[in-house]
């Protein structure tokens, strides 16, 4: 018997045939405005130091136009930048400049803007200045761009201007004073001296103030481009120029590590050592046990020379300077390096 049709059978089910979605355009006037940029910024603690756009600087992804534009902006602001001395550039007039690399751009800094050393205006730089400039190749220096030609990709700068700004920031304010420790950039290294830059001031550090350990050559310890920590011994200001000078000691920035080895030395005992140098007949020896020794007396047939391995007889110990005294009994091995 046929079933009677009901109303539900004649109408389609909503589950089987859903109503199609109709996109309704929102009138432009009623569109919700995008949130302001400040509202989506991440909230940070006030205790965290935030960098400004100038301090962030450049990134590797920036184009050449962006980099040179940034350099031109730094010149307008008088902003201090940091680069590496890469080469010495001569000129037709005989005056030379140092090329400082900054983010792939070359900034020329004339000799007179690289150092406060003075010489007559109509004369070429003296030999000492040439020697200094050759030794600072690879050194990290601060500079302020003085002029930038973005179209021709050329720029000049001044290291002296940056150093004066650093001196105002650290020395005139009293932040750098005797007794504190400062980070220094190694600019140039010689046999017995090294030049460092400490917060805008160039300073000479002699070999005796480099390390507690006696050594033959400063180049065995440090090289151009290194960072060292030194203790400020004295600060002076020139009344005529207003510029500052500083006395530094890398040795005094740390405790003497030879104290334990020195206390183990026994008088009337022979020790193996290396002659690190001599001055006016006084020999300086670094004992293999880790202590320093000096003497004017040697019993060897030949005159001891720098880097010779010797036998040193300890006769007494200087507790104040922590240096052993005695005499050289013999030369164990001559060093073949040219002296």
C-alpha atoms as a PDB file:
ATOM      1  CA  UNK A   1       0.000   0.000   0.000  1.00  0.00           C
ATOM      2  CA  UNK A   2       1.576   3.252  -1.086  1.00  0.00           C
ATOM      3  CA  UNK A   3       2.723   5.588   1.664  1.00  0.00           C
ATOM      4  CA  UNK A   4       1.105   8.924   1.899  1.00  0.00           C
ATOM      5  CA  UNK A   5       3.325  11.908   1.086  1.00  0.00           C
ATOM      6  CA  UNK A   6       4.073  14.188   3.989  1.00  0.00           C
ATOM      7  CA  UNK A   7       5.099  17.818   3.993  1.00  0.00           C
ATOM      8  CA  UNK A   8       8.570  16.990   5.172  1.00  0.00           C
ATOM      9  CA  UNK A   9       9.186  14.674   2.240  1.00  0.00           C
ATOM     10  CA  UNK A  10       8.274  17.334  -0.311  1.00  0.00           C
ATOM     11  CA  UNK A  11      10.752  19.962   1.010  1.00  0.00           C
ATOM     12  CA  UNK A  12      14.540  19.557   0.650  1.00  0.00           C
ATOM     13  CA  UNK A  13      16.608  19.157   3.793  1.00  0.00           C
ATOM     14  CA  UNK A  14      18.787  22.039   4.904  1.00  0.00           C
ATOM     15  CA  UNK A  15      21.611  19.617   5.750  1.00  0.00           C
ATOM     16  CA  UNK A  16      21.710  18.351   2.197  1.00  0.00           C
ATOM     17  CA  UNK A  17      21.383  21.643   0.392  1.00  0.00           C
ATOM     18  CA  UNK A  18      22.793  24.470   2.529  1.00  0.00           C
ATOM     19  CA  UNK A  19      22.000  27.984   1.633  1.00  0.00           C
ATOM     20  CA  UNK A  20      24.854  29.467  -0.462  1.00  0.00           C
ATOM     21  CA  UNK A  21      26.899  32.162   1.195  1.00  0.00           C
ATOM     22  CA  UNK A  22      26.397  35.585  -0.231  1.00  0.00           C
ATOM     23  CA  UNK A  23      29.330  37.996   0.046  1.00  0.00           C
ATOM     24  CA  UNK A  24      28.142  41.287   1.330  1.00  0.00           C
ATOM     25  CA  UNK A  25      30.336  44.255   0.568  1.00  0.00           C
ATOM     26  CA  UNK A  26      30.870  46.575   3.443  1.00  0.00           C
ATOM     27  CA  UNK A  27      30.470  50.192   2.491  1.00  0.00           C
ATOM     28  CA  UNK A  28      33.777  52.063   2.400  1.00  0.00           C
ATOM     29  CA  UNK A  29      32.513  54.537   4.903  1.00  0.00           C
ATOM     30  CA  UNK A  30      31.768  51.753   7.375  1.00  0.00           C
ATOM     31  CA  UNK A  31      35.118  49.900   6.872  1.00  0.00           C
ATOM     32  CA  UNK A  32      37.071  49.649  10.088  1.00  0.00           C
ATOM     33  CA  UNK A  33      40.235  51.758   9.861  1.00  0.00           C
ATOM     34  CA  UNK A  34      43.546  49.930  10.317  1.00  0.00           C
ATOM     35  CA  UNK A  35      44.996  50.197  13.781  1.00  0.00           C
ATOM     36  CA  UNK A  36      47.630  52.852  14.196  1.00  0.00           C
ATOM     37  CA  UNK A  37      51.276  51.692  14.036  1.00  0.00           C
ATOM     38  CA  UNK A  38      51.881  52.486  17.660  1.00  0.00           C
ATOM     39  CA  UNK A  39      49.039  50.224  18.810  1.00  0.00           C
ATOM     40  CA  UNK A  40      50.653  47.109  17.297  1.00  0.00           C
ATOM     41  CA  UNK A  41      54.132  47.736  18.646  1.00  0.00           C
ATOM     42  CA  UNK A  42      55.372  45.323  21.223  1.00  0.00           C
ATOM     43  CA  UNK A  43      55.358  46.741  24.692  1.00  0.00           C
ATOM     44  CA  UNK A  44      58.785  46.584  26.282  1.00  0.00           C
ATOM     45  CA  UNK A  45      60.028  47.245  29.729  1.00  0.00           C
ATOM     46  CA  UNK A  46      61.390  50.673  30.501  1.00  0.00           C
ATOM     47  CA  UNK A  47      64.465  48.972  31.980  1.00  0.00           C
ATOM     48  CA  UNK A  48      65.582  47.726  28.535  1.00  0.00           C
ATOM     49  CA  UNK A  49      67.808  50.076  26.569  1.00  0.00           C
ATOM     50  CA  UNK A  50      66.361  50.665  23.108  1.00  0.00           C
ATOM     51  CA  UNK A  51      68.462  51.678  20.095  1.00  0.00           C
ATOM     52  CA  UNK A  52      67.458  54.599  17.913  1.00  0.00           C
ATOM     53  CA  UNK A  53      67.480  54.416  14.121  1.00  0.00           C
ATOM     54  CA  UNK A  54      70.831  56.226  14.065  1.00  0.00           C
ATOM     55  CA  UNK A  55      72.333  53.739  16.519  1.00  0.00           C
ATOM     56  CA  UNK A  56      71.043  50.701  14.646  1.00  0.00           C
ATOM     57  CA  UNK A  57      73.013  51.803  11.582  1.00  0.00           C
ATOM     58  CA  UNK A  58      73.164  49.677   8.460  1.00  0.00           C
ATOM     59  CA  UNK A  59      72.518  46.034   7.681  1.00  0.00           C
ATOM     60  CA  UNK A  60      73.971  43.706   5.066  1.00  0.00           C
ATOM     61  CA  UNK A  61      70.696  43.811   3.121  1.00  0.00           C
ATOM     62  CA  UNK A  62      70.819  47.573   2.579  1.00  0.00           C
ATOM     63  CA  UNK A  63      71.558  48.767  -0.961  1.00  0.00           C
ATOM     64  CA  UNK A  64      74.469  51.006  -1.947  1.00  0.00           C
ATOM     65  CA  UNK A  65      72.148  53.996  -2.233  1.00  0.00           C
ATOM     66  CA  UNK A  66      70.871  53.405   1.290  1.00  0.00           C
ATOM     67  CA  UNK A  67      74.395  53.085   2.666  1.00  0.00           C
ATOM     68  CA  UNK A  68      75.647  56.259   1.042  1.00  0.00           C
ATOM     69  CA  UNK A  69      72.489  58.051   2.083  1.00  0.00           C
ATOM     70  CA  UNK A  70      73.116  56.975   5.662  1.00  0.00           C
ATOM     71  CA  UNK A  71      76.708  58.224   5.421  1.00  0.00           C
ATOM     72  CA  UNK A  72      75.506  61.599   4.110  1.00  0.00           C
ATOM     73  CA  UNK A  73      73.037  61.816   6.976  1.00  0.00           C
ATOM     74  CA  UNK A  74      75.801  61.046   9.468  1.00  0.00           C
ATOM     75  CA  UNK A  75      77.788  63.947   8.032  1.00  0.00           C
ATOM     76  CA  UNK A  76      74.862  66.323   8.536  1.00  0.00           C
ATOM     77  CA  UNK A  77      74.347  65.116  12.106  1.00  0.00           C
ATOM     78  CA  UNK A  78      78.051  65.092  12.991  1.00  0.00           C
ATOM     79  CA  UNK A  79      77.654  61.462  14.000  1.00  0.00           C
ATOM     80  CA  UNK A  80      80.642  59.385  15.126  1.00  0.00           C
ATOM     81  CA  UNK A  81      81.178  56.253  13.034  1.00  0.00           C
ATOM     82  CA  UNK A  82      83.673  53.420  13.410  1.00  0.00           C
ATOM     83  CA  UNK A  83      85.739  51.848  10.653  1.00  0.00           C
ATOM     84  CA  UNK A  84      88.998  50.037   9.926  1.00  0.00           C
ATOM     85  CA  UNK A  85      92.094  51.648   8.404  1.00  0.00           C
ATOM     86  CA  UNK A  86      92.623  49.706   5.162  1.00  0.00           C
ATOM     87  CA  UNK A  87      95.248  51.566   3.101  1.00  0.00           C
ATOM     88  CA  UNK A  88      97.356  54.686   2.593  1.00  0.00           C
ATOM     89  CA  UNK A  89      96.282  56.833  -0.363  1.00  0.00           C
ATOM     90  CA  UNK A  90      98.857  59.230  -1.922  1.00  0.00           C
ATOM     91  CA  UNK A  91      97.996  62.441  -3.744  1.00  0.00           C
ATOM     92  CA  UNK A  92      99.636  64.561  -6.422  1.00  0.00           C
ATOM     93  CA  UNK A  93     100.552  67.235  -3.883  1.00  0.00           C
ATOM     94  CA  UNK A  94     102.469  64.720  -1.773  1.00  0.00           C
ATOM     95  CA  UNK A  95      99.966  64.791   1.074  1.00  0.00           C
ATOM     96  CA  UNK A  96      98.530  61.437   2.003  1.00  0.00           C
ATOM     97  CA  UNK A  97      95.316  60.146   3.490  1.00  0.00           C
ATOM     98  CA  UNK A  98      94.214  57.034   5.307  1.00  0.00           C
ATOM     99  CA  UNK A  99      91.389  55.067   3.734  1.00  0.00           C
ATOM    100  CA  UNK A 100      88.909  53.979   6.408  1.00  0.00           C
ATOM    101  CA  UNK A 101      86.480  51.229   5.417  1.00  0.00           C
ATOM    102  CA  UNK A 102      82.964  51.628   6.775  1.00  0.00           C
ATOM    103  CA  UNK A 103      80.291  49.106   5.721  1.00  0.00           C
ATOM    104  CA  UNK A 104      81.979  48.620   2.334  1.00  0.00           C
ATOM    105  CA  UNK A 105      82.416  52.368   1.737  1.00  0.00           C
ATOM    106  CA  UNK A 106      85.787  54.100   1.684  1.00  0.00           C
ATOM    107  CA  UNK A 107      86.206  57.327   3.621  1.00  0.00           C
ATOM    108  CA  UNK A 108      89.440  59.279   3.142  1.00  0.00           C
ATOM    109  CA  UNK A 109      90.899  60.879   6.248  1.00  0.00           C
ATOM    110  CA  UNK A 110      93.906  63.195   5.653  1.00  0.00           C
ATOM    111  CA  UNK A 111      96.990  62.726   7.822  1.00  0.00           C
ATOM    112  CA  UNK A 112      96.326  66.018   9.617  1.00  0.00           C
ATOM    113  CA  UNK A 113      92.865  64.736  10.590  1.00  0.00           C
ATOM    114  CA  UNK A 114      94.198  61.371  11.771  1.00  0.00           C
ATOM    115  CA  UNK A 115      96.460  62.610  14.549  1.00  0.00           C
ATOM    116  CA  UNK A 116      97.003  65.661  16.756  1.00  0.00           C
ATOM    117  CA  UNK A 117     100.712  65.657  15.946  1.00  0.00           C
ATOM    118  CA  UNK A 118     101.577  68.985  14.364  1.00  0.00           C
ATOM    119  CA  UNK A 119     104.002  70.010  11.613  1.00  0.00           C
ATOM    120  CA  UNK A 120     104.346  73.173   9.446  1.00  0.00           C
ATOM    121  CA  UNK A 121     101.457  73.766   7.073  1.00  0.00           C
ATOM    122  CA  UNK A 122     103.622  74.042   3.951  1.00  0.00           C
ATOM    123  CA  UNK A 123     105.689  70.942   4.698  1.00  0.00           C
ATOM    124  CA  UNK A 124     105.075  67.257   4.174  1.00  0.00           C
ATOM    125  CA  UNK A 125     104.448  65.041   7.197  1.00  0.00           C
ATOM    126  CA  UNK A 126     107.616  64.002   9.052  1.00  0.00           C
ATOM    127  CA  UNK A 127     108.944  60.463   8.962  1.00  0.00           C
ATOM    128  CA  UNK A 128     107.531  59.695  12.415  1.00  0.00           C
ATOM    129  CA  UNK A 129     104.011  60.405  11.152  1.00  0.00           C
ATOM    130  CA  UNK A 130     104.525  58.217   8.077  1.00  0.00           C
ATOM    131  CA  UNK A 131     105.763  55.398  10.314  1.00  0.00           C
ATOM    132  CA  UNK A 132     102.759  55.743  12.609  1.00  0.00           C
ATOM    133  CA  UNK A 133     100.302  55.683   9.704  1.00  0.00           C
ATOM    134  CA  UNK A 134     101.897  52.567   8.258  1.00  0.00           C
ATOM    135  CA  UNK A 135     101.641  50.801  11.601  1.00  0.00           C
ATOM    136  CA  UNK A 136      97.953  51.560  12.142  1.00  0.00           C
ATOM    137  CA  UNK A 137      96.853  49.606   9.082  1.00  0.00           C
ATOM    138  CA  UNK A 138      94.161  47.261  10.362  1.00  0.00           C
ATOM    139  CA  UNK A 139      93.356  49.428  13.384  1.00  0.00           C
ATOM    140  CA  UNK A 140      89.787  50.267  14.390  1.00  0.00           C
ATOM    141  CA  UNK A 141      89.206  54.043  14.590  1.00  0.00           C
ATOM    142  CA  UNK A 142      86.368  56.503  15.084  1.00  0.00           C
ATOM    143  CA  UNK A 143      85.677  59.288  12.599  1.00  0.00           C
ATOM    144  CA  UNK A 144      83.059  61.885  11.708  1.00  0.00           C
ATOM    145  CA  UNK A 145      82.156  62.265   8.015  1.00  0.00           C
ATOM    146  CA  UNK A 146      82.979  65.801   6.888  1.00  0.00           C
ATOM    147  CA  UNK A 147      81.737  65.645   3.306  1.00  0.00           C
ATOM    148  CA  UNK A 148      79.912  63.011   1.248  1.00  0.00           C
ATOM    149  CA  UNK A 149      79.347  62.949  -2.527  1.00  0.00           C
ATOM    150  CA  UNK A 150      76.599  60.364  -2.910  1.00  0.00           C
ATOM    151  CA  UNK A 151      76.539  60.514  -6.715  1.00  0.00           C
ATOM    152  CA  UNK A 152      80.274  59.924  -7.156  1.00  0.00           C
ATOM    153  CA  UNK A 153      80.562  57.606  -4.127  1.00  0.00           C
ATOM    154  CA  UNK A 154      83.259  59.678  -2.403  1.00  0.00           C
ATOM    155  CA  UNK A 155      83.615  60.797   1.190  1.00  0.00           C
ATOM    156  CA  UNK A 156      86.114  62.478   3.501  1.00  0.00           C
ATOM    157  CA  UNK A 157      86.173  62.480   7.288  1.00  0.00           C
ATOM    158  CA  UNK A 158      88.034  63.520  10.419  1.00  0.00           C
ATOM    159  CA  UNK A 159      89.311  61.280  13.192  1.00  0.00           C
ATOM    160  CA  UNK A 160      90.401  64.286  15.253  1.00  0.00           C
ATOM    161  CA  UNK A 161      86.825  65.594  15.395  1.00  0.00           C
ATOM    162  CA  UNK A 162      85.594  62.248  16.682  1.00  0.00           C
ATOM    163  CA  UNK A 163      88.356  62.111  19.301  1.00  0.00           C
ATOM    164  CA  UNK A 164      87.465  65.577  20.598  1.00  0.00           C
ATOM    165  CA  UNK A 165      83.831  64.494  20.983  1.00  0.00           C
ATOM    166  CA  UNK A 166      84.935  61.395  22.895  1.00  0.00           C
ATOM    167  CA  UNK A 167      87.115  63.515  25.172  1.00  0.00           C
ATOM    168  CA  UNK A 168      84.143  65.738  26.003  1.00  0.00           C
ATOM    169  CA  UNK A 169      82.026  62.696  26.722  1.00  0.00           C
ATOM    170  CA  UNK A 170      84.476  60.788  28.915  1.00  0.00           C
ATOM    171  CA  UNK A 171      87.234  63.104  30.184  1.00  0.00           C
ATOM    172  CA  UNK A 172      85.554  66.479  30.559  1.00  0.00           C
ATOM    173  CA  UNK A 173      82.661  64.779  32.343  1.00  0.00           C
ATOM    174  CA  UNK A 174      85.016  63.079  34.801  1.00  0.00           C
ATOM    175  CA  UNK A 175      84.103  59.528  33.784  1.00  0.00           C
ATOM    176  CA  UNK A 176      87.736  58.691  33.010  1.00  0.00           C
ATOM    177  CA  UNK A 177      89.866  59.283  36.097  1.00  0.00           C
ATOM    178  CA  UNK A 178      92.897  57.685  37.796  1.00  0.00           C
ATOM    179  CA  UNK A 179      92.242  54.245  39.201  1.00  0.00           C
ATOM    180  CA  UNK A 180      89.547  53.040  36.804  1.00  0.00           C
ATOM    181  CA  UNK A 181      89.969  50.474  34.034  1.00  0.00           C
ATOM    182  CA  UNK A 182      89.179  51.323  30.420  1.00  0.00           C
ATOM    183  CA  UNK A 183      88.990  49.331  27.189  1.00  0.00           C
ATOM    184  CA  UNK A 184      91.625  50.436  24.685  1.00  0.00           C
ATOM    185  CA  UNK A 185      92.080  49.843  20.979  1.00  0.00           C
ATOM    186  CA  UNK A 186      95.581  48.851  19.911  1.00  0.00           C
ATOM    187  CA  UNK A 187      96.582  51.188  17.079  1.00  0.00           C
ATOM    188  CA  UNK A 188     100.272  50.422  16.516  1.00  0.00           C
ATOM    189  CA  UNK A 189     102.858  48.071  17.993  1.00  0.00           C
ATOM    190  CA  UNK A 190     106.632  48.518  18.063  1.00  0.00           C
ATOM    191  CA  UNK A 191     109.436  46.599  19.706  1.00  0.00           C
ATOM    192  CA  UNK A 192     109.324  48.419  23.043  1.00  0.00           C
ATOM    193  CA  UNK A 193     106.175  50.558  22.862  1.00  0.00           C
ATOM    194  CA  UNK A 194     102.594  50.302  21.693  1.00  0.00           C
ATOM    195  CA  UNK A 195     100.063  53.008  20.875  1.00  0.00           C
ATOM    196  CA  UNK A 196      96.491  52.619  22.050  1.00  0.00           C
ATOM    197  CA  UNK A 197      93.385  54.775  21.893  1.00  0.00           C
ATOM    198  CA  UNK A 198      91.474  55.140  25.155  1.00  0.00           C
ATOM    199  CA  UNK A 199      88.120  56.916  24.817  1.00  0.00           C
ATOM    200  CA  UNK A 200      89.397  59.471  22.325  1.00  0.00           C
ATOM    201  CA  UNK A 201      92.987  59.864  23.560  1.00  0.00           C
ATOM    202  CA  UNK A 202      96.049  58.251  21.976  1.00  0.00           C
ATOM    203  CA  UNK A 203      98.565  57.006  24.550  1.00  0.00           C
ATOM    204  CA  UNK A 204     101.931  55.276  24.480  1.00  0.00           C
ATOM    205  CA  UNK A 205     102.385  52.215  26.675  1.00  0.00           C
ATOM    206  CA  UNK A 206     105.962  51.071  27.252  1.00  0.00           C
ATOM    207  CA  UNK A 207     106.993  47.423  27.460  1.00  0.00           C
ATOM    208  CA  UNK A 208     107.446  47.596  31.248  1.00  0.00           C
ATOM    209  CA  UNK A 209     103.736  48.476  31.618  1.00  0.00           C
ATOM    210  CA  UNK A 210     102.394  45.887  29.188  1.00  0.00           C
ATOM    211  CA  UNK A 211     102.693  42.714  31.271  1.00  0.00           C
ATOM    212  CA  UNK A 212     104.007  41.363  34.560  1.00  0.00           C
ATOM    213  CA  UNK A 213     105.833  38.770  32.527  1.00  0.00           C
ATOM    214  CA  UNK A 214     109.068  39.884  30.875  1.00  0.00           C
ATOM    215  CA  UNK A 215     109.026  39.164  27.151  1.00  0.00           C
ATOM    216  CA  UNK A 216     111.373  39.766  24.196  1.00  0.00           C
ATOM    217  CA  UNK A 217     108.990  41.767  21.994  1.00  0.00           C
ATOM    218  CA  UNK A 218     105.596  43.441  22.402  1.00  0.00           C
ATOM    219  CA  UNK A 219     104.508  41.891  19.102  1.00  0.00           C
ATOM    220  CA  UNK A 220     104.613  38.549  20.898  1.00  0.00           C
ATOM    221  CA  UNK A 221     101.811  39.823  23.127  1.00  0.00           C
ATOM    222  CA  UNK A 222      99.672  42.225  21.105  1.00  0.00           C
ATOM    223  CA  UNK A 223      99.020  43.330  17.553  1.00  0.00           C
ATOM    224  CA  UNK A 224      97.185  46.122  15.753  1.00  0.00           C
ATOM    225  CA  UNK A 225      93.416  45.763  16.045  1.00  0.00           C
ATOM    226  CA  UNK A 226      93.448  44.099  19.473  1.00  0.00           C
ATOM    227  CA  UNK A 227      91.338  45.230  22.409  1.00  0.00           C
ATOM    228  CA  UNK A 228      93.082  45.491  25.793  1.00  0.00           C
ATOM    229  CA  UNK A 229      92.058  46.585  29.275  1.00  0.00           C
ATOM    230  CA  UNK A 230      94.315  49.128  30.978  1.00  0.00           C
ATOM    231  CA  UNK A 231      94.318  50.959  34.284  1.00  0.00           C
ATOM    232  CA  UNK A 232      94.295  54.759  34.214  1.00  0.00           C
ATOM    233  CA  UNK A 233      97.327  56.000  36.128  1.00  0.00           C
ATOM    234  CA  UNK A 234      97.055  59.730  35.431  1.00  0.00           C
ATOM    235  CA  UNK A 235      94.943  62.212  33.436  1.00  0.00           C
ATOM    236  CA  UNK A 236      96.087  65.677  32.340  1.00  0.00           C
ATOM    237  CA  UNK A 237      94.555  68.476  30.308  1.00  0.00           C
ATOM    238  CA  UNK A 238      96.591  70.849  28.165  1.00  0.00           C
ATOM    239  CA  UNK A 239      95.690  74.400  29.160  1.00  0.00           C
ATOM    240  CA  UNK A 240      96.510  75.798  25.717  1.00  0.00           C
ATOM    241  CA  UNK A 241      94.683  73.294  23.511  1.00  0.00           C
ATOM    242  CA  UNK A 242      92.159  71.913  26.001  1.00  0.00           C
ATOM    243  CA  UNK A 243      92.970  68.380  24.867  1.00  0.00           C
ATOM    244  CA  UNK A 244      93.584  65.539  27.302  1.00  0.00           C
ATOM    245  CA  UNK A 245      96.436  63.086  27.776  1.00  0.00           C
ATOM    246  CA  UNK A 246      96.367  59.880  29.787  1.00  0.00           C
ATOM    247  CA  UNK A 247      98.908  57.484  31.300  1.00  0.00           C
ATOM    248  CA  UNK A 248      97.929  53.820  31.121  1.00  0.00           C
ATOM    249  CA  UNK A 249      99.194  50.466  32.375  1.00  0.00           C
ATOM    250  CA  UNK A 250      97.950  47.127  31.123  1.00  0.00           C
ATOM    251  CA  UNK A 251     100.014  45.396  33.785  1.00  0.00           C
ATOM    252  CA  UNK A 252      98.401  47.226  36.687  1.00  0.00           C
ATOM    253  CA  UNK A 253      94.919  46.297  35.449  1.00  0.00           C
ATOM    254  CA  UNK A 254      95.475  42.742  36.749  1.00  0.00           C
ATOM    255  CA  UNK A 255      97.135  41.160  39.751  1.00  0.00           C
ATOM    256  CA  UNK A 256     100.637  39.755  39.402  1.00  0.00           C
ATOM    257  CA  UNK A 257     100.230  36.112  38.301  1.00  0.00           C
ATOM    258  CA  UNK A 258     103.918  35.392  39.040  1.00  0.00           C
ATOM    259  CA  UNK A 259     103.535  35.742  42.802  1.00  0.00           C
ATOM    260  CA  UNK A 260     103.001  32.034  43.442  1.00  0.00           C
ATOM    261  CA  UNK A 261     105.927  31.049  41.200  1.00  0.00           C
ATOM    262  CA  UNK A 262     108.202  33.667  42.778  1.00  0.00           C
ATOM    263  CA  UNK A 263     107.500  32.404  46.291  1.00  0.00           C
ATOM    264  CA  UNK A 264     108.655  28.931  45.252  1.00  0.00           C
ATOM    265  CA  UNK A 265     112.126  30.086  44.167  1.00  0.00           C
ATOM    266  CA  UNK A 266     114.998  28.938  46.385  1.00  0.00           C
ATOM    267  CA  UNK A 267     118.231  30.972  46.676  1.00  0.00           C
ATOM    268  CA  UNK A 268     121.516  29.276  45.724  1.00  0.00           C
ATOM    269  CA  UNK A 269     119.653  27.239  43.077  1.00  0.00           C
ATOM    270  CA  UNK A 270     120.077  27.143  39.301  1.00  0.00           C
ATOM    271  CA  UNK A 271     117.086  27.746  37.017  1.00  0.00           C
ATOM    272  CA  UNK A 272     116.524  27.577  33.273  1.00  0.00           C
ATOM    273  CA  UNK A 273     115.623  30.896  31.659  1.00  0.00           C
ATOM    274  CA  UNK A 274     115.515  32.972  28.462  1.00  0.00           C
ATOM    275  CA  UNK A 275     117.116  36.386  28.029  1.00  0.00           C
ATOM    276  CA  UNK A 276     114.270  38.718  27.060  1.00  0.00           C
ATOM    277  CA  UNK A 277     116.474  41.778  26.598  1.00  0.00           C
ATOM    278  CA  UNK A 278     119.326  43.883  27.888  1.00  0.00           C
ATOM    279  CA  UNK A 279     119.806  47.559  28.607  1.00  0.00           C
ATOM    280  CA  UNK A 280     123.028  49.291  29.666  1.00  0.00           C
ATOM    281  CA  UNK A 281     124.584  46.005  30.679  1.00  0.00           C
ATOM    282  CA  UNK A 282     121.545  44.819  32.656  1.00  0.00           C
ATOM    283  CA  UNK A 283     120.102  41.482  31.509  1.00  0.00           C
ATOM    284  CA  UNK A 284     116.412  40.621  31.893  1.00  0.00           C
ATOM    285  CA  UNK A 285     115.624  36.917  32.135  1.00  0.00           C
ATOM    286  CA  UNK A 286     112.324  35.082  32.160  1.00  0.00           C
ATOM    287  CA  UNK A 287     112.742  31.909  34.233  1.00  0.00           C
ATOM    288  CA  UNK A 288     110.997  28.792  33.023  1.00  0.00           C
ATOM    289  CA  UNK A 289     109.456  28.389  36.474  1.00  0.00           C
ATOM    290  CA  UNK A 290     107.322  31.486  35.789  1.00  0.00           C
ATOM    291  CA  UNK A 291     109.222  34.336  37.467  1.00  0.00           C
ATOM    292  CA  UNK A 292     111.364  37.286  36.381  1.00  0.00           C
ATOM    293  CA  UNK A 293     115.080  37.710  37.070  1.00  0.00           C
ATOM    294  CA  UNK A 294     117.747  40.289  36.282  1.00  0.00           C
ATOM    295  CA  UNK A 295     121.510  40.594  36.584  1.00  0.00           C
ATOM    296  CA  UNK A 296     124.610  42.407  35.337  1.00  0.00           C
ATOM    297  CA  UNK A 297     126.886  39.422  35.881  1.00  0.00           C
ATOM    298  CA  UNK A 298     127.533  36.550  33.500  1.00  0.00           C
ATOM    299  CA  UNK A 299     130.151  33.802  33.721  1.00  0.00           C
ATOM    300  CA  UNK A 300     129.747  32.552  30.172  1.00  0.00           C
ATOM    301  CA  UNK A 301     132.534  32.863  27.642  1.00  0.00           C
ATOM    302  CA  UNK A 302     130.302  34.759  25.228  1.00  0.00           C
ATOM    303  CA  UNK A 303     128.134  37.790  25.790  1.00  0.00           C
ATOM    304  CA  UNK A 304     124.490  36.725  26.367  1.00  0.00           C
ATOM    305  CA  UNK A 305     122.102  37.948  23.697  1.00  0.00           C
ATOM    306  CA  UNK A 306     118.370  38.367  23.392  1.00  0.00           C
ATOM    307  CA  UNK A 307     116.427  35.073  23.276  1.00  0.00           C
ATOM    308  CA  UNK A 308     119.408  32.984  24.395  1.00  0.00           C
ATOM    309  CA  UNK A 309     118.566  30.090  26.718  1.00  0.00           C
ATOM    310  CA  UNK A 310     120.743  30.377  29.837  1.00  0.00           C
ATOM    311  CA  UNK A 311     121.323  28.871  33.250  1.00  0.00           C
ATOM    312  CA  UNK A 312     120.598  31.428  35.960  1.00  0.00           C
ATOM    313  CA  UNK A 313     121.803  31.074  39.546  1.00  0.00           C
ATOM    314  CA  UNK A 314     119.524  32.778  42.081  1.00  0.00           C
ATOM    315  CA  UNK A 315     121.352  34.471  44.953  1.00  0.00           C
ATOM    316  CA  UNK A 316     118.567  36.602  46.454  1.00  0.00           C
ATOM    317  CA  UNK A 317     114.893  37.513  46.083  1.00  0.00           C
ATOM    318  CA  UNK A 318     113.501  41.048  45.941  1.00  0.00           C
ATOM    319  CA  UNK A 319     110.146  40.733  47.726  1.00  0.00           C
ATOM    320  CA  UNK A 320     109.004  44.243  46.797  1.00  0.00           C
ATOM    321  CA  UNK A 321     109.452  43.966  43.022  1.00  0.00           C
ATOM    322  CA  UNK A 322     109.152  40.159  43.006  1.00  0.00           C
ATOM    323  CA  UNK A 323     112.310  39.812  40.908  1.00  0.00           C
ATOM    324  CA  UNK A 324     115.057  37.233  41.443  1.00  0.00           C
ATOM    325  CA  UNK A 325     118.673  38.414  41.457  1.00  0.00           C
ATOM    326  CA  UNK A 326     121.805  36.415  40.721  1.00  0.00           C
ATOM    327  CA  UNK A 327     124.040  35.741  37.713  1.00  0.00           C
ATOM    328  CA  UNK A 328     124.172  33.836  34.433  1.00  0.00           C
ATOM    329  CA  UNK A 329     126.377  30.773  34.786  1.00  0.00           C
ATOM    330  CA  UNK A 330     126.422  29.684  31.143  1.00  0.00           C
ATOM    331  CA  UNK A 331     124.633  29.896  27.808  1.00  0.00           C
ATOM    332  CA  UNK A 332     122.778  26.663  27.128  1.00  0.00           C
ATOM    333  CA  UNK A 333     121.596  27.490  23.623  1.00  0.00           C
ATOM    334  CA  UNK A 334     122.145  30.391  21.274  1.00  0.00           C
ATOM    335  CA  UNK A 335     119.167  31.744  19.401  1.00  0.00           C
ATOM    336  CA  UNK A 336     119.686  31.888  15.639  1.00  0.00           C
ATOM    337  CA  UNK A 337     117.388  34.864  14.963  1.00  0.00           C
ATOM    338  CA  UNK A 338     119.117  37.968  13.679  1.00  0.00           C
ATOM    339  CA  UNK A 339     119.663  40.418  16.510  1.00  0.00           C
END
